[in-house]
C-alpha atoms as a PDB file:
ATOM      1  CA  MET A   1      30.616  11.378  -5.370  1.00  0.00           C
ATOM      2  CA  LYS A   2      32.787  12.429  -3.018  1.00  0.00           C
ATOM      3  CA  LEU A   3      34.775  11.050   0.279  1.00  0.00           C
ATOM      4  CA  VAL A   4      33.222  12.068   3.581  1.00  0.00           C
ATOM      5  CA  ASN A   5      34.490  11.057   6.981  1.00  0.00           C
ATOM      6  CA  GLY A   6      36.143   7.893   5.140  1.00  0.00           C
ATOM      7  CA  LYS A   7      33.012   6.762   3.278  1.00  0.00           C
ATOM      8  CA  LEU A   8      32.152   7.216  -0.327  1.00  0.00           C
ATOM      9  CA  VAL A   9      29.019   9.309  -0.866  1.00  0.00           C
ATOM     10  CA  ILE A  10      27.286   8.426  -4.279  1.00  0.00           C
ATOM     11  CA  MET A  11      24.455  10.210  -5.416  1.00  0.00           C
ATOM     12  CA  LEU A  12      22.754   8.219  -8.241  1.00  0.00           C
ATOM     13  CA  ARG A  13      19.875  10.013 -10.260  1.00  0.00           C
ATOM     14  CA  LEU A  14      16.696   8.203 -10.437  1.00  0.00           C
ATOM     15  CA  LYS A  15      14.629   7.694 -13.330  1.00  0.00           C
ATOM     16  CA  ARG A  16      11.217   6.225 -14.685  1.00  0.00           C
ATOM     17  CA  PRO A  17      11.089   2.173 -13.741  1.00  0.00           C
ATOM     18  CA  LYS A  18      12.395   0.404 -17.169  1.00  0.00           C
ATOM     19  CA  LEU A  19      12.164  -3.599 -17.263  1.00  0.00           C
ATOM     20  CA  SER A  20      15.752  -4.939 -16.619  1.00  0.00           C
ATOM     21  CA  ALA A  21      17.387  -7.007 -19.455  1.00  0.00           C
ATOM     22  CA  SER A  22      16.179 -10.424 -17.575  1.00  0.00           C
ATOM     23  CA  GLY A  23      12.487  -9.197 -16.777  1.00  0.00           C
ATOM     24  CA  LYS A  24      13.364  -9.687 -13.005  1.00  0.00           C
ATOM     25  CA  SER A  25      13.160  -6.148 -11.888  1.00  0.00           C
ATOM     26  CA  TYR A  26      12.723  -2.468 -12.774  1.00  0.00           C
ATOM     27  CA  VAL A  27      15.735  -0.411 -13.281  1.00  0.00           C
ATOM     28  CA  ILE A  28      15.283   3.093 -11.760  1.00  0.00           C
ATOM     29  CA  GLY A  29      19.079   4.250 -11.651  1.00  0.00           C
ATOM     30  CA  SER A  30      22.222   3.053 -12.769  1.00  0.00           C
ATOM     31  CA  THR A  31      26.156   3.927 -13.387  1.00  0.00           C
ATOM     32  CA  ARG A  32      25.690   1.576 -16.311  1.00  0.00           C
ATOM     33  CA  GLY A  33      29.116  -0.222 -15.368  1.00  0.00           C
ATOM     34  CA  PHE A  34      32.179   0.721 -13.436  1.00  0.00           C
ATOM     35  CA  LYS A  35      32.953   4.310 -12.929  1.00  0.00           C
ATOM     36  CA  LYS A  36      36.231   6.120 -11.591  1.00  0.00           C
ATOM     37  CA  SER A  37      35.310   7.657  -8.353  1.00  0.00           C
ATOM     38  CA  GLY A  38      37.978  10.321  -8.466  1.00  0.00           C
ATOM     39  CA  VAL A  39      38.949   9.010  -4.603  1.00  0.00           C
ATOM     40  CA  ARG A  40      42.186   7.377  -4.308  1.00  0.00           C
ATOM     41  CA  ILE A  41      43.234   5.103  -1.724  1.00  0.00           C
ATOM     42  CA  LYS A  42      46.998   4.296  -1.141  1.00  0.00           C
ATOM     43  CA  GLY A  43      47.212   6.254  -4.440  1.00  0.00           C
ATOM     44  CA  LYS A  44      45.183   3.943  -6.518  1.00  0.00           C
ATOM     45  CA  PRO A  45      41.938   5.141  -8.084  1.00  0.00           C
ATOM     46  CA  VAL A  46      38.902   3.514  -6.656  1.00  0.00           C
ATOM     47  CA  HIS A  47      36.192   2.164  -9.252  1.00  0.00           C
ATOM     48  CA  PHE A  48      32.551   1.396  -8.413  1.00  0.00           C
ATOM     49  CA  ALA A  49      29.383   0.205  -9.810  1.00  0.00           C
ATOM     50  CA  ALA A  50      25.746   0.879  -8.462  1.00  0.00           C
ATOM     51  CA  ASN A  51      22.174  -0.106  -9.671  1.00  0.00           C
ATOM     52  CA  ALA A  52      18.765   0.967  -7.773  1.00  0.00           C
ATOM     53  CA  ILE A  53      16.216  -1.501  -8.734  1.00  0.00           C
ATOM     54  CA  ILE A  54      12.618  -2.478  -7.880  1.00  0.00           C
ATOM     55  CA  LYS A  55      11.846  -5.955  -7.607  1.00  0.00           C
ATOM     56  CA  ARG A  56       8.904  -7.285 -10.114  1.00  0.00           C
ATOM     57  CA  GLU A  57       6.388  -9.011  -8.473  1.00  0.00           C
ATOM     58  CA  THR A  58       5.737 -12.488  -9.939  1.00  0.00           C
ATOM     59  CA  ARG A  59       3.203 -15.231  -9.793  1.00  0.00           C
ATOM     60  CA  ARG A  60       5.609 -18.065  -9.837  1.00  0.00           C
ATOM     61  CA  SER A  61       3.826 -19.415  -6.717  1.00  0.00           C
ATOM     62  CA  SER A  62       0.645 -20.367  -8.532  1.00  0.00           C
ATOM     63  CA  THR A  63       2.849 -21.820 -11.368  1.00  0.00           C
ATOM     64  CA  LYS A  64       4.626 -24.177  -9.044  1.00  0.00           C
ATOM     65  CA  LYS A  65       1.189 -24.823  -7.340  1.00  0.00           C
ATOM     66  CA  ASN A  66      -0.212 -26.106 -10.698  1.00  0.00           C
ATOM     67  CA  LYS A  67       2.571 -28.307 -11.472  1.00  0.00           C
ATOM     68  CA  LYS A  68       2.207 -29.852  -7.976  1.00  0.00           C
ATOM     69  CA  GLN A  69      -1.593 -30.612  -8.676  1.00  0.00           C
ATOM     70  CA  LYS A  70      -0.872 -32.078 -12.145  1.00  0.00           C
ATOM     71  CA  ALA A  71       1.968 -34.356 -10.501  1.00  0.00           C
ATOM     72  CA  ALA A  72      -0.348 -35.343  -7.833  1.00  0.00           C
ATOM     73  CA  LYS A  73      -3.229 -36.660 -10.243  1.00  0.00           C
ATOM     74  CA  LYS A  74      -0.787 -38.635 -12.132  1.00  0.00           C
ATOM     75  CA  THR A  75      -0.028 -40.669  -9.104  1.00  0.00           C
END
């Protein structure tokens, strides 16, 4: 990472997709928490955290549809 024209440029190594802890996405890159950037602003160190993900496709809409159909049948 480096400072270029007032912008912090971060290079994050991408890896094979791994299911996140929540199961809602696939993680393909992460700093795994805050890291020091080596850049200082007004004498203070800049820290950052970054994650690269792919959203997981879900079929929640069909579940909601089934619940609505069951509720409609009861009335």
